[in-house]
N, C-alpha and C. Protein backbone atom coordinates (compact mmCIF):
# COMPACT_ATOMS: atom_id res chain seq x y z
N UNK A 1 24.09 105.30 26.31
CA UNK A 1 25.22 105.07 27.92
C UNK A 1 25.54 103.66 27.45
N UNK A 2 26.96 103.36 27.52
CA UNK A 2 26.90 101.85 26.89
C UNK A 2 26.85 100.63 28.27
N UNK A 3 27.31 99.89 28.11
CA UNK A 3 26.74 98.79 29.76
C UNK A 3 28.17 99.02 30.52
N UNK A 4 28.03 98.42 31.59
CA UNK A 4 29.35 98.65 32.29
C UNK A 4 30.34 97.40 31.89
N UNK A 5 31.59 98.10 31.96
CA UNK A 5 32.28 97.29 31.85
C UNK A 5 33.20 96.58 33.37
N UNK A 6 33.51 95.67 33.54
CA UNK A 6 34.51 94.99 34.26
C UNK A 6 35.77 94.54 34.41
N UNK A 7 36.67 94.70 34.39
CA UNK A 7 37.57 94.52 34.71
C UNK A 7 38.34 93.25 35.42
N UNK A 8 39.13 92.19 35.31
CA UNK A 8 39.44 91.68 36.36
C UNK A 8 39.84 90.21 36.12
N UNK A 9 40.20 89.24 36.84
CA UNK A 9 40.44 87.55 36.61
C UNK A 9 39.56 86.40 37.03
N UNK A 10 39.35 85.60 36.24
CA UNK A 10 37.97 85.05 36.46
C UNK A 10 38.85 83.85 37.58
N UNK A 11 39.91 83.91 38.30
CA UNK A 11 40.00 83.26 38.98
C UNK A 11 40.11 83.89 40.82
N UNK A 12 40.05 85.27 40.36
CA UNK A 12 40.25 86.16 41.64
C UNK A 12 38.66 85.76 42.17
N UNK A 13 38.63 85.77 43.51
CA UNK A 13 37.09 85.36 44.73
C UNK A 13 36.91 87.00 44.10
N UNK A 14 37.51 87.99 44.56
CA UNK A 14 36.35 89.11 44.35
C UNK A 14 36.22 89.54 43.17
N UNK A 15 36.97 89.24 42.06
CA UNK A 15 35.99 89.68 40.94
C UNK A 15 35.08 88.77 40.62
N UNK A 16 35.06 87.48 41.05
CA UNK A 16 33.93 86.44 40.92
C UNK A 16 33.09 86.82 41.85
N UNK A 17 33.01 87.37 42.82
CA UNK A 17 31.78 87.86 43.79
C UNK A 17 30.91 88.87 43.19
N UNK A 18 31.33 89.70 42.58
CA UNK A 18 31.11 90.74 41.73
C UNK A 18 30.44 90.16 40.69
N UNK A 19 30.91 88.99 39.81
CA UNK A 19 30.55 88.71 38.69
C UNK A 19 29.59 87.76 39.43
N UNK A 20 28.95 87.48 40.35
CA UNK A 20 27.60 87.19 40.80
C UNK A 20 26.74 88.19 41.13
N UNK A 21 27.21 88.97 41.81
CA UNK A 21 26.01 90.47 42.05
C UNK A 21 25.72 90.63 40.86
N UNK A 22 26.37 90.90 40.04
CA UNK A 22 25.31 90.83 38.48
C UNK A 22 24.82 90.44 38.14
N UNK A 23 25.24 88.37 37.83
CA UNK A 23 24.26 88.03 37.07
C UNK A 23 22.88 87.69 38.29
N UNK A 24 23.11 88.14 40.00
CA UNK A 24 22.16 87.84 40.82
C UNK A 24 20.87 89.55 40.58
N UNK A 25 21.61 90.56 39.96
CA UNK A 25 20.25 91.77 39.63
C UNK A 25 20.28 91.62 38.43
N UNK A 26 20.34 90.50 37.46
CA UNK A 26 20.20 90.31 35.74
C UNK A 26 20.85 91.29 35.15
N UNK A 27 21.88 92.31 35.58
CA UNK A 27 22.67 93.15 35.10
C UNK A 27 23.99 92.62 34.08
N UNK A 28 23.51 93.24 32.26
CA UNK A 28 23.96 92.97 31.55
C UNK A 28 25.82 93.82 31.33
N UNK A 29 26.45 92.69 31.92
CA UNK A 29 28.17 93.72 31.95
C UNK A 29 29.17 93.37 30.91
N UNK A 30 30.12 94.13 30.24
CA UNK A 30 30.86 93.12 29.57
C UNK A 30 31.94 93.26 30.73
N UNK A 31 32.36 91.78 30.20
CA UNK A 31 33.58 91.85 31.25
C UNK A 31 34.93 90.83 30.84
N UNK A 32 35.09 92.25 30.76
CA UNK A 32 37.59 92.16 30.03
C UNK A 32 38.09 91.54 31.38
N UNK A 33 38.74 90.41 30.71
CA UNK A 33 39.58 89.49 31.16
C UNK A 33 40.85 90.52 31.37
N UNK A 34 41.60 90.39 31.98
CA UNK A 34 43.12 90.81 32.14
C UNK A 34 44.16 90.06 32.60
N UNK A 35 45.20 90.19 32.46
CA UNK A 35 46.45 89.04 32.93
C UNK A 35 47.13 89.54 33.59
N UNK A 36 47.15 89.70 34.84
CA UNK A 36 48.39 90.51 35.94
C UNK A 36 49.31 89.93 36.09
N UNK A 37 49.53 89.05 35.74
CA UNK A 37 51.11 88.10 35.19
C UNK A 37 51.62 88.25 34.21
N UNK A 38 51.09 88.39 33.12
CA UNK A 38 51.38 89.50 32.06
C UNK A 38 51.89 91.08 32.33
N UNK A 39 51.42 91.49 33.39
CA UNK A 39 51.56 93.40 33.93
C UNK A 39 50.04 93.87 33.23
N UNK A 40 49.43 93.30 32.88
CA UNK A 40 48.31 94.13 31.95
C UNK A 40 47.73 95.50 33.41
N UNK A 41 47.44 94.95 34.25
CA UNK A 41 47.28 96.19 35.54
C UNK A 41 48.24 96.85 35.59
N UNK A 42 49.53 97.39 34.79
CA UNK A 42 50.30 97.79 35.11
C UNK A 42 50.48 99.05 33.86
N UNK A 43 49.56 98.65 32.81
CA UNK A 43 49.86 99.62 31.45
C UNK A 43 48.95 101.15 31.97
N UNK A 44 48.91 101.81 30.81
CA UNK A 44 48.91 103.30 31.38
C UNK A 44 47.60 103.48 31.33
N UNK A 45 46.60 102.72 29.98
CA UNK A 45 45.31 102.70 30.05
C UNK A 45 44.37 102.36 30.76
N UNK A 46 45.32 101.06 31.87
CA UNK A 46 44.62 100.42 33.47
C UNK A 46 44.58 101.35 34.30
N UNK A 47 46.17 102.13 35.08
CA UNK A 47 46.27 102.94 35.55
C UNK A 47 45.65 104.58 35.43
N UNK A 48 45.17 104.60 34.37
CA UNK A 48 44.38 106.13 34.31
C UNK A 48 43.08 105.84 35.16
N UNK A 49 42.36 104.65 34.86
CA UNK A 49 41.28 103.78 36.00
C UNK A 49 41.46 103.54 37.15
N UNK A 50 42.23 103.05 37.33
CA UNK A 50 42.46 102.43 38.98
C UNK A 50 44.21 102.58 39.20
N UNK A 51 44.53 103.64 40.10
CA UNK A 51 45.99 104.12 39.86
C UNK A 51 46.50 103.00 40.95
N UNK A 52 45.85 102.24 41.66
CA UNK A 52 45.93 101.42 42.57
C UNK A 52 46.46 99.93 41.90
N UNK A 53 46.39 99.48 40.56
CA UNK A 53 46.22 98.77 39.38
C UNK A 53 46.07 97.51 40.53
N UNK A 54 44.36 97.39 41.21
CA UNK A 54 44.13 96.40 41.25
C UNK A 54 42.72 95.76 40.42
N UNK A 55 42.07 94.41 40.68
CA UNK A 55 41.06 93.98 40.32
C UNK A 55 40.33 93.28 41.43
N UNK A 56 39.15 93.79 41.04
CA UNK A 56 38.15 94.28 40.03
C UNK A 56 38.66 95.78 39.64
N UNK A 57 38.05 96.22 38.54
CA UNK A 57 38.29 97.79 38.20
C UNK A 57 36.54 97.28 37.60
N UNK A 58 35.95 98.68 37.62
CA UNK A 58 34.59 98.81 37.01
C UNK A 58 34.65 100.20 36.27
N UNK A 59 34.59 100.18 34.74
CA UNK A 59 34.13 101.29 34.35
C UNK A 59 32.54 101.18 33.62
N UNK A 60 31.93 102.45 34.79
CA UNK A 60 30.31 102.63 34.62
C UNK A 60 30.52 104.05 33.76
N UNK A 61 30.62 103.89 32.32
CA UNK A 61 30.15 104.91 31.64
C UNK A 61 31.38 105.98 31.95
N UNK A 62 32.80 105.91 31.83
CA UNK A 62 33.91 106.58 32.20
C UNK A 62 33.70 107.23 33.53
N UNK A 63 32.84 106.56 34.86
CA UNK A 63 32.70 106.34 36.10
C UNK A 63 33.96 105.33 36.51
N UNK A 64 34.89 105.43 37.13
CA UNK A 64 35.65 104.63 37.63
C UNK A 64 35.82 104.18 39.12
N UNK A 65 35.41 102.75 39.78
CA UNK A 65 35.24 102.22 40.64
C UNK A 65 35.96 101.27 40.97
N UNK A 66 36.73 100.74 41.68
CA UNK A 66 37.61 99.59 42.53
C UNK A 66 37.31 98.99 43.76
N UNK A 67 37.77 97.59 44.51
CA UNK A 67 37.72 97.12 45.12
C UNK A 67 36.07 96.44 45.44
N UNK A 68 36.19 95.35 45.28
CA UNK A 68 35.01 94.36 45.24
C UNK A 68 33.61 94.74 45.62
N UNK A 69 34.01 94.95 47.21
CA UNK A 69 33.07 95.41 48.39
C UNK A 69 32.74 97.05 48.12
N UNK A 70 33.25 97.85 47.52
CA UNK A 70 32.21 98.86 46.64
C UNK A 70 31.64 98.80 46.23
N UNK A 71 32.18 98.54 44.75
CA UNK A 71 31.22 97.70 43.40
C UNK A 71 29.96 97.17 43.42
N UNK A 72 30.20 95.91 44.70
CA UNK A 72 28.53 94.97 44.53
C UNK A 72 27.72 96.10 45.02
N UNK A 73 28.26 96.86 46.44
CA UNK A 73 26.89 97.63 46.41
C UNK A 73 26.62 98.84 45.56
N UNK A 74 27.11 99.06 45.11
CA UNK A 74 27.27 100.48 43.98
C UNK A 74 26.11 99.48 43.03
N UNK A 75 26.44 99.05 42.29
CA UNK A 75 25.79 98.16 41.09
C UNK A 75 24.34 97.82 41.86
N UNK A 76 23.91 97.19 43.26
CA UNK A 76 22.66 96.69 43.34
C UNK A 76 21.97 98.29 43.21
N UNK A 77 22.53 99.09 44.54
CA UNK A 77 22.02 100.76 44.10
C UNK A 77 21.47 101.06 42.59
N UNK A 78 22.23 100.96 42.02
CA UNK A 78 22.66 101.49 40.81
C UNK A 78 21.28 101.26 39.70
N UNK A 79 21.29 100.00 39.86
CA UNK A 79 21.08 98.99 39.14
C UNK A 79 19.81 98.17 39.22
N UNK A 80 19.86 97.22 40.63
CA UNK A 80 18.68 96.49 40.84
C UNK A 80 17.77 96.61 40.56
N UNK A 81 16.87 95.39 40.47
CA UNK A 81 14.97 96.27 40.28
C UNK A 81 14.51 95.99 41.49
N UNK A 82 15.16 95.53 42.64
CA UNK A 82 14.34 96.07 43.98
C UNK A 82 15.96 95.71 44.49
N UNK A 83 15.62 96.50 46.33
CA UNK A 83 17.15 96.85 46.91
C UNK A 83 17.11 95.19 47.77
N UNK A 84 16.81 94.16 47.79
CA UNK A 84 16.71 92.77 48.39
C UNK A 84 18.35 92.47 48.68
N UNK A 85 18.98 92.41 48.15
CA UNK A 85 20.66 92.59 48.33
C UNK A 85 21.34 93.45 49.27
N UNK A 86 20.88 94.91 49.01
CA UNK A 86 21.23 95.46 50.04
C UNK A 86 19.81 96.77 50.49
N UNK A 87 19.57 96.35 51.46
CA UNK A 87 18.20 97.37 51.82
C UNK A 87 18.65 99.04 51.70
N UNK A 88 17.75 99.33 50.90
CA UNK A 88 17.66 100.98 51.24
C UNK A 88 17.50 102.13 52.38
N UNK A 89 16.52 101.31 53.01
CA UNK A 89 15.55 101.67 54.10
C UNK A 89 16.27 100.84 55.71
N UNK A 90 16.66 100.36 55.51
CA UNK A 90 17.21 98.96 56.88
C UNK A 90 18.43 99.18 57.29
N UNK A 91 18.91 100.32 57.88
CA UNK A 91 19.84 100.80 58.86
C UNK A 91 20.79 99.87 59.29
N UNK A 92 20.00 99.53 59.97
CA UNK A 92 20.40 98.09 60.82
C UNK A 92 21.16 96.96 59.94
N UNK A 93 20.49 96.94 59.32
CA UNK A 93 20.85 95.77 58.15
C UNK A 93 21.83 95.71 57.15
N UNK A 94 21.97 96.90 56.59
CA UNK A 94 22.98 97.50 55.42
C UNK A 94 24.12 97.55 56.86
N UNK A 95 24.47 98.08 58.01
CA UNK A 95 25.63 97.84 59.12
C UNK A 95 25.71 96.87 58.83
N UNK A 96 25.18 96.10 59.21
CA UNK A 96 25.68 94.37 59.38
C UNK A 96 25.57 93.38 58.36
N UNK A 97 25.18 93.78 56.99
CA UNK A 97 26.00 93.47 55.74
C UNK A 97 27.44 94.25 55.30
N UNK A 98 27.72 95.44 55.67
CA UNK A 98 28.49 96.16 55.50
C UNK A 98 29.71 95.27 56.62
N UNK A 99 29.66 95.40 57.72
CA UNK A 99 30.70 94.90 58.92
C UNK A 99 30.56 93.02 58.16
N UNK A 100 29.71 92.07 57.45
CA UNK A 100 30.44 91.39 56.85
C UNK A 100 30.84 91.24 55.91
N UNK A 101 30.70 92.32 54.97
CA UNK A 101 31.74 92.67 54.10
C UNK A 101 33.28 92.81 54.29
N UNK A 102 33.30 93.69 55.76
CA UNK A 102 34.95 93.94 55.92
C UNK A 102 35.51 92.74 56.84
N UNK A 103 34.88 91.86 56.65
CA UNK A 103 34.84 90.84 57.28
C UNK A 103 35.31 89.78 56.27
N UNK A 104 34.59 90.04 55.31
CA UNK A 104 35.26 89.01 53.85
C UNK A 104 36.42 89.96 53.58
N UNK A 105 36.57 90.88 53.34
CA UNK A 105 37.39 91.67 52.89
C UNK A 105 38.95 91.42 53.94
N UNK A 106 38.35 91.73 55.47
CA UNK A 106 39.64 91.26 56.52
C UNK A 106 40.26 90.07 56.42
N UNK A 107 39.41 89.13 57.15
CA UNK A 107 39.75 87.68 57.49
C UNK A 107 39.70 87.07 56.02
N UNK A 108 38.77 86.48 55.55
CA UNK A 108 38.34 85.49 54.71
C UNK A 108 39.43 85.97 53.36
N UNK A 109 39.57 87.03 52.68
CA UNK A 109 40.15 87.00 52.02
C UNK A 109 41.79 87.77 52.55
N UNK A 110 42.04 88.70 53.27
CA UNK A 110 43.13 89.39 53.71
C UNK A 110 43.60 88.59 54.35
N UNK A 111 43.36 87.69 55.66
CA UNK A 111 44.02 86.99 56.26
C UNK A 111 44.14 85.85 55.55
N UNK A 112 43.08 84.99 55.24
CA UNK A 112 42.87 83.45 55.42
C UNK A 112 43.43 83.21 53.65
N UNK A 113 42.74 83.78 52.65
CA UNK A 113 43.26 83.81 51.31
C UNK A 113 45.05 83.83 51.18
N UNK A 114 45.01 85.11 51.50
CA UNK A 114 46.40 85.40 50.99
C UNK A 114 47.39 85.17 52.18
N UNK A 115 47.05 84.54 53.27
CA UNK A 115 47.93 83.63 54.02
C UNK A 115 48.45 82.46 53.61
N UNK A 116 47.06 81.99 52.56
CA UNK A 116 47.49 80.49 51.84
C UNK A 116 48.07 80.80 50.37
N UNK A 117 48.17 81.71 50.11
CA UNK A 117 48.32 81.82 48.60
C UNK A 117 49.84 82.37 48.94
N UNK A 118 50.00 83.25 49.34
CA UNK A 118 51.29 84.85 49.09
C UNK A 118 52.37 83.68 49.58
N UNK A 119 52.77 83.37 50.39
CA UNK A 119 54.22 82.42 50.35
C UNK A 119 53.88 81.41 49.63
N UNK A 120 52.98 80.76 48.51
CA UNK A 120 52.96 79.87 47.89
C UNK A 120 53.40 80.52 46.32
N UNK A 121 53.04 81.65 46.20
CA UNK A 121 53.49 82.82 45.28
C UNK A 121 54.80 82.95 45.35
N UNK A 122 55.28 83.83 46.41
CA UNK A 122 56.68 84.61 46.74
C UNK A 122 57.47 83.38 47.17
N UNK A 123 57.47 82.51 47.93
CA UNK A 123 58.50 81.72 48.63
C UNK A 123 58.70 80.50 47.87
N UNK A 124 57.96 80.06 47.26
CA UNK A 124 57.92 78.55 46.38
C UNK A 124 57.52 77.59 48.00
N UNK A 125 56.08 77.87 48.86
CA UNK A 125 55.77 76.99 49.55
C UNK A 125 55.15 76.05 49.09
N UNK A 126 55.37 75.12 49.64
CA UNK A 126 54.36 73.78 49.11
C UNK A 126 53.20 73.19 49.74
N UNK A 127 53.17 74.21 51.12
CA UNK A 127 52.01 73.64 52.28
C UNK A 127 51.55 74.46 52.92
N UNK A 128 50.63 74.87 53.14
CA UNK A 128 49.79 75.83 54.01
C UNK A 128 50.21 75.57 55.84
N UNK A 129 50.56 77.28 56.22
CA UNK A 129 51.64 76.73 57.52
C UNK A 129 50.21 76.65 58.43
N UNK A 130 50.75 75.75 59.95
CA UNK A 130 49.41 75.71 60.96
C UNK A 130 48.93 77.10 61.18
N UNK A 131 49.98 77.61 61.46
CA UNK A 131 49.17 79.15 61.74
C UNK A 131 47.78 79.68 61.12
N UNK A 132 48.03 79.54 59.76
CA UNK A 132 47.21 79.75 58.72
C UNK A 132 45.41 79.04 58.66
N UNK A 133 46.01 78.04 58.74
CA UNK A 133 44.98 76.23 58.99
C UNK A 133 44.37 76.93 60.32
N UNK A 134 44.76 77.62 61.48
CA UNK A 134 44.65 78.29 62.69
C UNK A 134 43.38 79.34 62.30
N UNK A 135 43.73 79.93 61.32
CA UNK A 135 43.04 81.43 61.34
C UNK A 135 42.10 80.83 60.43
N UNK A 136 42.45 80.07 59.76
CA UNK A 136 41.26 79.89 58.76
C UNK A 136 39.71 79.21 59.38
N UNK A 137 40.46 78.13 60.62
CA UNK A 137 39.17 77.89 61.20
C UNK A 137 38.55 78.55 62.16
N UNK A 138 39.89 80.03 62.34
CA UNK A 138 38.78 80.85 63.34
C UNK A 138 38.04 81.52 62.59
N UNK A 139 38.02 81.86 61.48
CA UNK A 139 37.47 82.26 60.32
C UNK A 139 35.66 81.21 60.88
N UNK A 140 36.06 80.18 60.29
CA UNK A 140 34.68 79.29 60.61
C UNK A 140 34.09 79.94 61.34
N UNK A 141 34.66 79.28 62.40
CA UNK A 141 34.36 79.59 64.07
C UNK A 141 33.30 80.90 63.71
N UNK A 142 33.49 82.04 63.45
CA UNK A 142 32.62 83.26 63.79
C UNK A 142 31.60 83.07 62.51
N UNK A 143 31.65 82.90 61.54
CA UNK A 143 30.60 82.30 60.40
C UNK A 143 29.85 81.43 60.83
N UNK A 144 29.72 79.98 61.29
CA UNK A 144 29.05 79.33 62.54
C UNK A 144 28.30 80.36 63.07
N UNK A 145 29.24 81.04 64.34
CA UNK A 145 28.10 82.18 64.93
C UNK A 145 27.31 82.58 64.15
N UNK A 146 27.40 83.56 63.17
CA UNK A 146 27.00 84.66 62.10
C UNK A 146 25.54 83.71 61.77
N UNK A 147 25.63 82.68 61.52
CA UNK A 147 24.70 81.68 60.80
C UNK A 147 24.08 81.14 62.21
N UNK A 148 23.97 81.31 63.50
CA UNK A 148 23.44 81.00 64.44
C UNK A 148 21.62 80.73 64.29
N UNK A 149 21.29 81.26 64.25
CA UNK A 149 19.43 82.13 63.95
C UNK A 149 19.70 82.26 62.61
N UNK A 150 20.38 82.39 61.59
CA UNK A 150 19.56 82.95 60.14
C UNK A 150 19.94 81.90 59.30
N UNK A 151 19.59 82.26 58.28
CA UNK A 151 19.71 80.91 56.91
C UNK A 151 21.29 81.59 56.20
N UNK A 152 21.18 83.25 56.14
CA UNK A 152 22.06 83.47 55.33
C UNK A 152 22.92 84.58 56.72
N UNK A 153 24.10 85.42 56.01
CA UNK A 153 24.84 86.05 56.87
C UNK A 153 24.51 87.27 57.22
N UNK A 154 22.71 87.60 57.20
CA UNK A 154 22.31 88.60 57.83
C UNK A 154 21.36 88.43 57.16
N UNK A 155 20.09 88.06 58.37
CA UNK A 155 19.14 87.45 58.31
C UNK A 155 18.80 85.67 57.43
N UNK A 156 17.29 86.00 56.81
CA UNK A 156 16.88 84.79 56.69
C UNK A 156 17.04 85.22 54.68
N UNK A 157 17.22 86.27 54.10
CA UNK A 157 17.48 85.90 53.18
C UNK A 157 18.67 86.50 52.28
N UNK A 158 18.72 86.22 50.77
CA UNK A 158 20.52 86.60 50.36
C UNK A 158 20.84 87.95 50.26
N UNK A 159 21.69 88.57 50.56
CA UNK A 159 22.61 89.75 50.51
C UNK A 159 24.31 89.86 49.86
N UNK A 160 24.34 90.85 49.37
CA UNK A 160 25.76 90.64 48.61
C UNK A 160 27.08 90.26 49.38
N UNK A 161 26.84 90.46 51.04
CA UNK A 161 27.70 89.40 51.96
C UNK A 161 27.74 88.32 51.65
N UNK A 162 26.36 87.96 51.42
CA UNK A 162 26.03 85.89 50.98
C UNK A 162 27.39 86.01 50.00
N UNK A 163 26.89 86.54 48.77
CA UNK A 163 28.18 86.60 47.23
C UNK A 163 29.44 86.67 47.85
N UNK A 164 29.79 87.66 48.32
CA UNK A 164 31.20 87.78 49.15
C UNK A 164 31.78 86.80 49.43
N UNK A 165 31.23 87.05 50.93
CA UNK A 165 32.02 85.63 51.42
C UNK A 165 31.82 84.39 50.75
N UNK A 166 30.37 84.61 50.03
CA UNK A 166 30.24 82.66 49.46
C UNK A 166 31.67 82.81 48.29
N UNK A 167 31.94 83.77 47.68
CA UNK A 167 33.54 83.03 46.77
C UNK A 167 34.11 82.92 47.17
N UNK A 168 34.75 83.71 48.27
CA UNK A 168 36.18 83.28 49.06
C UNK A 168 35.70 81.82 49.47
N UNK A 169 34.81 81.28 50.72
CA UNK A 169 34.84 80.21 51.07
C UNK A 169 34.74 78.81 50.07
N UNK A 170 34.32 79.10 49.10
CA UNK A 170 34.63 78.41 48.08
C UNK A 170 36.06 78.13 47.41
N UNK A 171 36.66 78.68 47.84
CA UNK A 171 37.99 78.46 47.52
C UNK A 171 38.69 78.29 49.41
N UNK A 172 38.23 78.47 50.46
CA UNK A 172 39.02 78.14 51.39
C UNK A 172 38.22 76.78 52.09
N UNK A 173 37.43 76.05 51.29
CA UNK A 173 36.81 75.07 51.77
C UNK A 173 38.07 73.88 51.26
N UNK A 174 38.67 74.75 49.95
CA UNK A 174 39.22 73.34 49.31
C UNK A 174 40.90 73.34 49.67
N UNK A 175 41.01 74.07 50.30
CA UNK A 175 42.24 74.70 51.10
C UNK A 175 42.55 73.10 52.49
N UNK A 176 41.26 73.87 53.33
CA UNK A 176 41.08 73.55 54.11
C UNK A 176 39.51 73.74 54.60
N UNK A 177 39.22 71.93 54.94
CA UNK A 177 38.50 71.14 54.75
C UNK A 177 37.47 71.91 55.86
N UNK A 178 35.73 72.48 55.98
CA UNK A 178 35.54 72.07 57.41
C UNK A 178 34.59 71.18 57.50
N UNK A 179 35.30 71.46 59.24
CA UNK A 179 34.73 69.78 59.70
C UNK A 179 32.91 69.87 59.73
N UNK A 180 32.65 68.83 59.08
CA UNK A 180 30.38 68.79 59.48
C UNK A 180 30.61 68.88 60.99
N UNK A 181 30.96 67.97 61.65
CA UNK A 181 30.56 68.20 63.25
C UNK A 181 30.99 69.52 63.76
N UNK A 182 32.15 70.19 63.34
CA UNK A 182 32.29 71.63 64.00
C UNK A 182 30.90 72.56 63.85
N UNK A 183 30.80 72.26 62.02
CA UNK A 183 30.16 73.99 61.21
C UNK A 183 29.28 73.36 60.20
N UNK A 184 27.95 72.42 60.97
CA UNK A 184 27.07 72.39 60.10
C UNK A 184 26.65 73.43 59.75
N UNK A 185 26.35 75.15 60.51
CA UNK A 185 25.19 75.35 59.88
C UNK A 185 26.14 76.27 58.51
N UNK A 186 27.30 76.43 59.01
CA UNK A 186 28.38 76.90 57.37
C UNK A 186 28.48 75.88 56.76
N UNK A 187 28.26 74.58 56.58
CA UNK A 187 28.44 73.96 55.56
C UNK A 187 26.85 74.11 54.27
N UNK A 188 25.55 73.91 55.41
CA UNK A 188 24.46 73.71 54.92
C UNK A 188 24.71 75.60 54.09
N UNK A 189 25.24 76.91 54.68
CA UNK A 189 24.76 77.94 53.75
C UNK A 189 25.70 77.81 52.80
N UNK A 190 26.70 77.29 52.99
CA UNK A 190 27.42 77.36 51.77
C UNK A 190 26.79 76.18 50.33
N UNK A 191 25.83 75.30 50.95
CA UNK A 191 25.15 74.58 50.13
C UNK A 191 23.86 75.39 49.02
N UNK A 192 23.31 76.43 50.15
CA UNK A 192 22.28 77.29 49.85
C UNK A 192 23.20 78.07 48.66
N UNK A 193 24.48 78.37 49.02
CA UNK A 193 25.28 79.32 47.79
C UNK A 193 25.54 78.73 46.78
N UNK A 194 25.60 77.67 46.63
CA UNK A 194 26.00 76.83 45.37
C UNK A 194 24.71 76.09 44.25
N UNK A 195 23.68 76.32 45.51
CA UNK A 195 22.59 76.13 44.59
C UNK A 195 21.80 76.94 43.88
N UNK A 196 22.25 78.55 44.27
CA UNK A 196 22.21 79.08 43.43
C UNK A 196 21.97 79.35 41.74
N UNK A 197 21.23 80.23 40.82
CA UNK A 197 21.20 79.43 39.37
C UNK A 197 22.36 80.04 38.87
N UNK A 198 23.07 80.92 38.63
CA UNK A 198 24.10 81.78 38.36
C UNK A 198 25.60 81.24 39.25
N UNK A 199 25.39 80.33 40.24
CA UNK A 199 26.59 80.20 40.60
C UNK A 199 27.88 79.80 40.15
N UNK A 200 27.03 78.29 39.05
CA UNK A 200 28.08 77.84 38.50
C UNK A 200 29.16 78.22 37.41
N UNK A 201 28.46 79.14 36.49
CA UNK A 201 28.79 80.21 36.02
C UNK A 201 29.60 81.07 35.88
N UNK A 202 29.66 82.16 37.23
CA UNK A 202 29.85 83.17 37.65
C UNK A 202 31.01 82.80 38.74
N UNK A 203 30.66 81.69 39.66
CA UNK A 203 31.93 81.48 40.44
C UNK A 203 32.50 80.13 40.24
N UNK A 204 32.11 79.07 40.17
CA UNK A 204 32.56 77.69 39.55
C UNK A 204 33.81 77.59 38.84
N UNK A 205 33.21 77.91 37.93
CA UNK A 205 34.65 77.79 36.99
C UNK A 205 35.96 78.39 37.25
N UNK A 206 35.73 79.44 37.13
CA UNK A 206 36.91 80.68 37.72
C UNK A 206 37.48 79.89 39.26
N UNK A 207 36.63 79.02 40.13
CA UNK A 207 37.32 78.39 40.94
C UNK A 207 37.93 77.46 41.01
N UNK A 208 37.55 76.63 40.40
CA UNK A 208 38.28 75.33 39.98
C UNK A 208 39.87 75.89 39.02
N UNK A 209 40.00 76.86 38.42
CA UNK A 209 40.78 77.37 37.32
C UNK A 209 41.52 77.68 38.71
N UNK A 210 41.30 78.74 39.39
CA UNK A 210 42.16 79.12 40.64
C UNK A 210 42.70 77.97 41.38
N UNK A 211 42.13 76.74 42.12
CA UNK A 211 42.59 75.68 42.82
C UNK A 211 43.63 74.96 42.17
N UNK A 212 43.15 75.17 40.86
CA UNK A 212 44.86 74.17 39.90
C UNK A 212 45.61 75.18 40.21
N UNK A 213 45.47 76.17 39.68
CA UNK A 213 46.91 76.91 39.69
C UNK A 213 47.65 76.65 40.55
N UNK A 214 46.95 76.86 42.19
CA UNK A 214 47.53 77.21 43.23
C UNK A 214 48.08 75.86 43.64
N UNK A 215 47.30 75.02 43.80
CA UNK A 215 48.05 73.48 43.70
C UNK A 215 49.14 73.15 42.82
N UNK A 216 49.24 73.75 41.64
CA UNK A 216 49.76 73.13 40.77
C UNK A 216 51.16 73.65 41.23
N UNK A 217 51.13 74.80 41.91
CA UNK A 217 52.51 75.62 42.41
C UNK A 217 52.45 75.14 43.42
N UNK A 218 51.96 74.77 44.37
CA UNK A 218 52.32 74.45 45.18
C UNK A 218 53.13 72.81 45.03
N UNK A 219 52.86 72.08 44.29
CA UNK A 219 53.69 71.23 43.93
C UNK A 219 54.54 70.99 43.33
N UNK A 220 55.18 72.56 42.04
CA UNK A 220 56.05 72.58 41.61
C UNK A 220 56.89 72.90 43.35
N UNK A 221 56.83 73.45 44.20
CA UNK A 221 57.59 73.89 45.17
C UNK A 221 57.79 72.63 46.11
N UNK A 222 57.43 71.42 45.88
CA UNK A 222 58.11 70.16 46.72
C UNK A 222 59.02 69.91 45.44
N UNK A 223 59.55 70.36 44.31
CA UNK A 223 60.25 69.43 43.48
C UNK A 223 61.92 70.26 44.04
């Protein structure tokens, strides 16, 4: 049996969240970088794996799965040595983890990150709209509340929810910095995420490239 293969672009927050999960569970995966800008995701061989032609896509010995928030729990349940990142027998905690994953997908990524980058990609915008900045700050308010009594997003131990949201927040903080006076718990939580031994390798490098790409496009939009 071969090792799982993950297809993606390192600049993508959702790809990086899966890379962090793989590192967290010490899973040896083969990572294959594809180029969406060159249309790699529209090639026949990719569409056979993922007809929605999105990233990331996982090839687990011929079983295909896409959507990072589905891949992360799958990897933990199949390959992790323990279930601390996504507990098998704690229904309430699993439900809360799933809620945070949906929050990441729908709010941090779907509303906030896309609200920043899509106008840059499609309309040559050079600034972030006040409405999007407001959306991001509302998301920060929610996360501050999530962390009101806990060190992590679901309790006092790391879960896949922290890794998913951590990848998104690493990008959002670059575009819309969090006010320390308003969001001290959120900022302290992110420091804990950055201190993870695999954070730099699995997330920071790709995030730096992502921020540079978007800012370069913003600069072109000003010309």
